[in-house]
Amino acid sequence: MPTLTDILAGNFTQYIVILIGIDVILGLVGAVMKKQFRFGKVAGFMKKGIVGYVFGFAVISLVGQAIPSLGFIVPVVFVLVAVALLASIFRNLNKMGIALPGSAKM
């Protein structure tokens, strides 16, 4: 059975961390551009994003490995997390003034 370290080093987790990084960078750039930058917001997102997405996904992965009948849930949760992060990335791009097809200005 893989350890938590193995799961955190896995491809799904790496993709989640990359998406979080992109989201944070775009959020910071957008906040600076709109003069809305606050250190408290960065700290809050890092706590929510890292703990919620990365460690939450790790727990789901451990459950999926411990109970093989629930193994199907791991890729489903990965897709849901990835979609949530991509939606946040698109919102940040929209806030920066980069128009995306089918999106309204926020």
N, C-alpha and C. Protein backbone atom coordinates (compact mmCIF):
# COMPACT_ATOMS: atom_id res chain seq x y z
N MET A 1 0.85 -1.19 0.00
CA MET A 1 0.00 0.00 0.00
C MET A 1 0.89 1.25 0.00
N PRO A 2 0.65 2.16 -0.93
CA PRO A 2 1.46 3.38 -1.00
C PRO A 2 1.29 4.24 0.26
N THR A 3 2.32 4.95 0.57
CA THR A 3 2.29 5.85 1.72
C THR A 3 1.75 7.21 1.29
N LEU A 4 1.55 8.06 2.27
CA LEU A 4 1.09 9.42 1.98
C LEU A 4 2.10 10.15 1.10
N THR A 5 3.37 9.90 1.33
CA THR A 5 4.43 10.52 0.52
C THR A 5 4.31 10.08 -0.94
N ASP A 6 4.03 8.80 -1.16
CA ASP A 6 3.85 8.31 -2.53
C ASP A 6 2.67 8.99 -3.21
N ILE A 7 1.59 9.15 -2.47
CA ILE A 7 0.39 9.78 -3.03
C ILE A 7 0.66 11.25 -3.35
N LEU A 8 1.33 11.95 -2.43
CA LEU A 8 1.62 13.37 -2.67
C LEU A 8 2.58 13.56 -3.84
N ALA A 9 3.38 12.55 -4.15
CA ALA A 9 4.31 12.64 -5.27
C ALA A 9 3.68 12.13 -6.57
N GLY A 10 2.43 11.68 -6.52
CA GLY A 10 1.76 11.13 -7.69
C GLY A 10 1.38 12.19 -8.71
N ASN A 11 1.08 11.73 -9.92
CA ASN A 11 0.75 12.64 -11.02
C ASN A 11 -0.48 13.50 -10.74
N PHE A 12 -1.56 12.89 -10.21
CA PHE A 12 -2.77 13.65 -9.94
C PHE A 12 -2.47 14.80 -8.99
N THR A 13 -1.75 14.51 -7.92
CA THR A 13 -1.43 15.54 -6.93
C THR A 13 -0.54 16.62 -7.54
N GLN A 14 0.40 16.22 -8.37
CA GLN A 14 1.27 17.21 -9.02
C GLN A 14 0.46 18.14 -9.92
N TYR A 15 -0.51 17.60 -10.64
CA TYR A 15 -1.36 18.44 -11.49
C TYR A 15 -2.19 19.41 -10.65
N ILE A 16 -2.69 18.94 -9.52
CA ILE A 16 -3.46 19.80 -8.63
C ILE A 16 -2.58 20.94 -8.13
N VAL A 17 -1.35 20.63 -7.72
CA VAL A 17 -0.44 21.66 -7.21
C VAL A 17 -0.09 22.66 -8.32
N ILE A 18 0.10 22.19 -9.53
CA ILE A 18 0.39 23.09 -10.67
C ILE A 18 -0.79 24.03 -10.91
N LEU A 19 -2.01 23.48 -10.89
CA LEU A 19 -3.20 24.32 -11.09
C LEU A 19 -3.35 25.33 -9.96
N ILE A 20 -3.07 24.92 -8.72
CA ILE A 20 -3.12 25.85 -7.60
C ILE A 20 -2.10 26.96 -7.80
N GLY A 21 -0.89 26.61 -8.23
CA GLY A 21 0.15 27.61 -8.47
C GLY A 21 -0.27 28.62 -9.52
N ILE A 22 -0.82 28.14 -10.62
CA ILE A 22 -1.28 29.03 -11.69
C ILE A 22 -2.39 29.94 -11.17
N ASP A 23 -3.32 29.36 -10.42
CA ASP A 23 -4.43 30.13 -9.87
C ASP A 23 -3.93 31.21 -8.92
N VAL A 24 -3.00 30.87 -8.05
CA VAL A 24 -2.46 31.85 -7.10
C VAL A 24 -1.74 32.98 -7.83
N ILE A 25 -0.92 32.63 -8.80
CA ILE A 25 -0.17 33.66 -9.54
C ILE A 25 -1.13 34.60 -10.27
N LEU A 26 -2.11 34.03 -10.96
CA LEU A 26 -3.07 34.87 -11.68
C LEU A 26 -3.91 35.71 -10.72
N GLY A 27 -4.27 35.13 -9.58
CA GLY A 27 -5.02 35.88 -8.57
C GLY A 27 -4.21 37.04 -8.02
N LEU A 28 -2.92 36.81 -7.77
CA LEU A 28 -2.04 37.88 -7.28
C LEU A 28 -1.90 38.99 -8.31
N VAL A 29 -1.66 38.60 -9.56
CA VAL A 29 -1.51 39.60 -10.62
C VAL A 29 -2.80 40.40 -10.77
N GLY A 30 -3.93 39.70 -10.77
CA GLY A 30 -5.22 40.40 -10.89
C GLY A 30 -5.47 41.34 -9.74
N ALA A 31 -5.14 40.92 -8.52
CA ALA A 31 -5.35 41.77 -7.34
C ALA A 31 -4.44 42.99 -7.39
N VAL A 32 -3.21 42.81 -7.83
CA VAL A 32 -2.29 43.95 -7.93
C VAL A 32 -2.78 44.91 -9.02
N MET A 33 -3.24 44.37 -10.14
CA MET A 33 -3.73 45.22 -11.23
C MET A 33 -4.95 46.04 -10.78
N LYS A 34 -5.82 45.46 -9.98
CA LYS A 34 -7.03 46.14 -9.52
C LYS A 34 -6.81 46.88 -8.21
N LYS A 35 -5.57 46.85 -7.71
CA LYS A 35 -5.21 47.49 -6.44
C LYS A 35 -6.06 46.97 -5.29
N GLN A 36 -6.26 45.65 -5.27
CA GLN A 36 -7.04 44.99 -4.23
C GLN A 36 -6.19 43.96 -3.47
N PHE A 37 -4.88 44.04 -3.58
CA PHE A 37 -4.01 43.05 -2.97
C PHE A 37 -4.03 43.18 -1.44
N ARG A 38 -4.24 42.04 -0.77
CA ARG A 38 -4.21 41.97 0.69
C ARG A 38 -3.48 40.69 1.07
N PHE A 39 -2.49 40.81 1.98
CA PHE A 39 -1.74 39.63 2.42
C PHE A 39 -2.66 38.61 3.09
N GLY A 40 -3.65 39.06 3.81
CA GLY A 40 -4.58 38.16 4.49
C GLY A 40 -5.32 37.25 3.53
N LYS A 41 -5.67 37.78 2.37
CA LYS A 41 -6.36 36.97 1.36
C LYS A 41 -5.44 35.88 0.82
N VAL A 42 -4.16 36.21 0.62
CA VAL A 42 -3.20 35.22 0.13
C VAL A 42 -3.05 34.10 1.14
N ALA A 43 -2.89 34.47 2.40
CA ALA A 43 -2.73 33.46 3.45
C ALA A 43 -3.98 32.59 3.55
N GLY A 44 -5.14 33.22 3.46
CA GLY A 44 -6.38 32.46 3.53
C GLY A 44 -6.53 31.48 2.38
N PHE A 45 -6.17 31.90 1.17
CA PHE A 45 -6.29 31.00 0.03
C PHE A 45 -5.29 29.86 0.14
N MET A 46 -4.07 30.17 0.56
CA MET A 46 -3.06 29.12 0.65
C MET A 46 -3.51 28.06 1.66
N LYS A 47 -4.08 28.50 2.75
CA LYS A 47 -4.57 27.56 3.77
C LYS A 47 -5.72 26.74 3.19
N LYS A 48 -6.69 27.41 2.59
CA LYS A 48 -7.85 26.72 2.04
C LYS A 48 -7.46 25.85 0.84
N GLY A 49 -6.69 26.41 -0.08
CA GLY A 49 -6.34 25.69 -1.30
C GLY A 49 -5.45 24.50 -1.07
N ILE A 50 -4.37 24.71 -0.34
CA ILE A 50 -3.43 23.61 -0.12
C ILE A 50 -4.05 22.53 0.74
N VAL A 51 -4.59 22.91 1.88
CA VAL A 51 -5.15 21.91 2.78
C VAL A 51 -6.37 21.26 2.16
N GLY A 52 -7.26 22.07 1.62
CA GLY A 52 -8.50 21.54 1.07
C GLY A 52 -8.31 20.65 -0.14
N TYR A 53 -7.51 21.09 -1.09
CA TYR A 53 -7.36 20.34 -2.32
C TYR A 53 -6.31 19.24 -2.23
N VAL A 54 -5.11 19.58 -1.83
CA VAL A 54 -4.02 18.61 -1.86
C VAL A 54 -4.21 17.52 -0.80
N PHE A 55 -4.37 17.93 0.45
CA PHE A 55 -4.50 16.92 1.49
C PHE A 55 -5.86 16.21 1.43
N GLY A 56 -6.88 16.92 1.03
CA GLY A 56 -8.18 16.27 0.84
C GLY A 56 -8.10 15.21 -0.24
N PHE A 57 -7.43 15.52 -1.34
CA PHE A 57 -7.26 14.53 -2.40
C PHE A 57 -6.41 13.35 -1.91
N ALA A 58 -5.40 13.64 -1.10
CA ALA A 58 -4.56 12.55 -0.56
C ALA A 58 -5.39 11.61 0.31
N VAL A 59 -6.28 12.16 1.12
CA VAL A 59 -7.13 11.32 1.96
C VAL A 59 -8.06 10.46 1.10
N ILE A 60 -8.65 11.07 0.07
CA ILE A 60 -9.51 10.31 -0.84
C ILE A 60 -8.71 9.20 -1.51
N SER A 61 -7.48 9.48 -1.90
CA SER A 61 -6.63 8.46 -2.52
C SER A 61 -6.35 7.32 -1.57
N LEU A 62 -6.07 7.65 -0.31
CA LEU A 62 -5.83 6.59 0.69
C LEU A 62 -7.08 5.75 0.91
N VAL A 63 -8.23 6.39 0.96
CA VAL A 63 -9.49 5.65 1.11
C VAL A 63 -9.71 4.74 -0.09
N GLY A 64 -9.46 5.26 -1.28
CA GLY A 64 -9.63 4.47 -2.50
C GLY A 64 -8.71 3.26 -2.54
N GLN A 65 -7.53 3.37 -1.94
CA GLN A 65 -6.61 2.24 -1.92
C GLN A 65 -6.93 1.28 -0.78
N ALA A 66 -7.41 1.81 0.32
CA ALA A 66 -7.74 0.95 1.47
C ALA A 66 -9.02 0.15 1.22
N ILE A 67 -9.95 0.75 0.49
CA ILE A 67 -11.21 0.09 0.17
C ILE A 67 -11.31 0.02 -1.35
N PRO A 68 -10.82 -1.08 -1.93
CA PRO A 68 -10.76 -1.17 -3.40
C PRO A 68 -12.09 -0.92 -4.12
N SER A 69 -13.21 -1.23 -3.48
CA SER A 69 -14.50 -1.00 -4.14
C SER A 69 -14.79 0.50 -4.32
N LEU A 70 -14.07 1.34 -3.59
CA LEU A 70 -14.23 2.79 -3.75
C LEU A 70 -13.12 3.41 -4.58
N GLY A 71 -12.29 2.60 -5.20
CA GLY A 71 -11.18 3.10 -5.99
C GLY A 71 -11.60 3.98 -7.16
N PHE A 72 -12.80 3.78 -7.67
CA PHE A 72 -13.27 4.57 -8.80
C PHE A 72 -13.43 6.05 -8.45
N ILE A 73 -13.56 6.34 -7.16
CA ILE A 73 -13.82 7.72 -6.75
C ILE A 73 -12.60 8.62 -6.89
N VAL A 74 -11.40 8.05 -6.88
CA VAL A 74 -10.17 8.86 -6.94
C VAL A 74 -10.11 9.68 -8.23
N PRO A 75 -10.25 9.09 -9.42
CA PRO A 75 -10.22 9.91 -10.63
C PRO A 75 -11.41 10.88 -10.72
N VAL A 76 -12.55 10.49 -10.17
CA VAL A 76 -13.72 11.38 -10.17
C VAL A 76 -13.43 12.63 -9.35
N VAL A 77 -12.86 12.44 -8.16
CA VAL A 77 -12.51 13.58 -7.30
C VAL A 77 -11.44 14.43 -7.97
N PHE A 78 -10.47 13.79 -8.62
CA PHE A 78 -9.44 14.56 -9.33
C PHE A 78 -10.08 15.47 -10.38
N VAL A 79 -10.99 14.95 -11.16
CA VAL A 79 -11.65 15.74 -12.20
C VAL A 79 -12.44 16.90 -11.57
N LEU A 80 -13.14 16.64 -10.48
CA LEU A 80 -13.89 17.70 -9.82
C LEU A 80 -12.97 18.80 -9.28
N VAL A 81 -11.86 18.42 -8.68
CA VAL A 81 -10.90 19.40 -8.17
C VAL A 81 -10.31 20.20 -9.33
N ALA A 82 -9.93 19.50 -10.40
CA ALA A 82 -9.34 20.17 -11.56
C ALA A 82 -10.33 21.16 -12.18
N VAL A 83 -11.59 20.77 -12.28
CA VAL A 83 -12.61 21.66 -12.84
C VAL A 83 -12.79 22.90 -11.95
N ALA A 84 -12.81 22.70 -10.64
CA ALA A 84 -12.94 23.84 -9.71
C ALA A 84 -11.76 24.79 -9.85
N LEU A 85 -10.56 24.25 -9.95
CA LEU A 85 -9.37 25.09 -10.09
C LEU A 85 -9.34 25.79 -11.45
N LEU A 86 -9.73 25.09 -12.51
CA LEU A 86 -9.78 25.72 -13.83
C LEU A 86 -10.81 26.85 -13.85
N ALA A 87 -11.95 26.65 -13.20
CA ALA A 87 -12.96 27.71 -13.12
C ALA A 87 -12.40 28.93 -12.40
N SER A 88 -11.64 28.71 -11.34
CA SER A 88 -11.03 29.83 -10.63
C SER A 88 -9.98 30.52 -11.49
N ILE A 89 -9.21 29.75 -12.25
CA ILE A 89 -8.21 30.33 -13.16
C ILE A 89 -8.91 31.19 -14.21
N PHE A 90 -10.01 30.69 -14.78
CA PHE A 90 -10.74 31.46 -15.79
C PHE A 90 -11.34 32.73 -15.18
N ARG A 91 -11.84 32.66 -13.94
CA ARG A 91 -12.35 33.86 -13.27
C ARG A 91 -11.24 34.88 -13.09
N ASN A 92 -10.05 34.41 -12.70
CA ASN A 92 -8.93 35.34 -12.52
C ASN A 92 -8.52 35.98 -13.85
N LEU A 93 -8.50 35.21 -14.91
CA LEU A 93 -8.19 35.77 -16.23
C LEU A 93 -9.24 36.81 -16.63
N ASN A 94 -10.49 36.49 -16.35
CA ASN A 94 -11.57 37.42 -16.66
C ASN A 94 -11.42 38.71 -15.87
N LYS A 95 -11.06 38.61 -14.59
CA LYS A 95 -10.86 39.80 -13.75
C LYS A 95 -9.70 40.65 -14.25
N MET A 96 -8.72 40.00 -14.90
CA MET A 96 -7.58 40.73 -15.42
C MET A 96 -7.90 41.40 -16.75
N GLY A 97 -9.12 41.18 -17.27
CA GLY A 97 -9.52 41.81 -18.51
C GLY A 97 -9.27 40.95 -19.74
N ILE A 98 -8.88 39.72 -19.55
CA ILE A 98 -8.67 38.81 -20.67
C ILE A 98 -10.01 38.12 -20.95
N ALA A 99 -10.62 38.51 -22.05
CA ALA A 99 -11.93 37.98 -22.39
C ALA A 99 -11.81 36.55 -22.90
N LEU A 100 -12.62 35.70 -22.34
CA LEU A 100 -12.68 34.31 -22.77
C LEU A 100 -14.01 34.07 -23.46
N PRO A 101 -14.04 33.23 -24.49
CA PRO A 101 -15.29 32.99 -25.19
C PRO A 101 -16.37 32.46 -24.24
N GLY A 102 -17.54 33.06 -24.30
CA GLY A 102 -18.66 32.61 -23.50
C GLY A 102 -18.63 33.03 -22.04
N SER A 103 -17.73 33.95 -21.68
CA SER A 103 -17.69 34.39 -20.29
C SER A 103 -18.07 35.86 -20.20
N ALA A 104 -18.77 36.18 -19.15
CA ALA A 104 -19.18 37.57 -18.92
C ALA A 104 -18.13 38.26 -18.06
N LYS A 105 -17.95 39.54 -18.26
CA LYS A 105 -17.02 40.33 -17.45
C LYS A 105 -17.51 40.36 -16.01
N MET A 106 -16.60 40.12 -15.05
CA MET A 106 -16.97 40.17 -13.63
C MET A 106 -16.60 41.50 -13.06
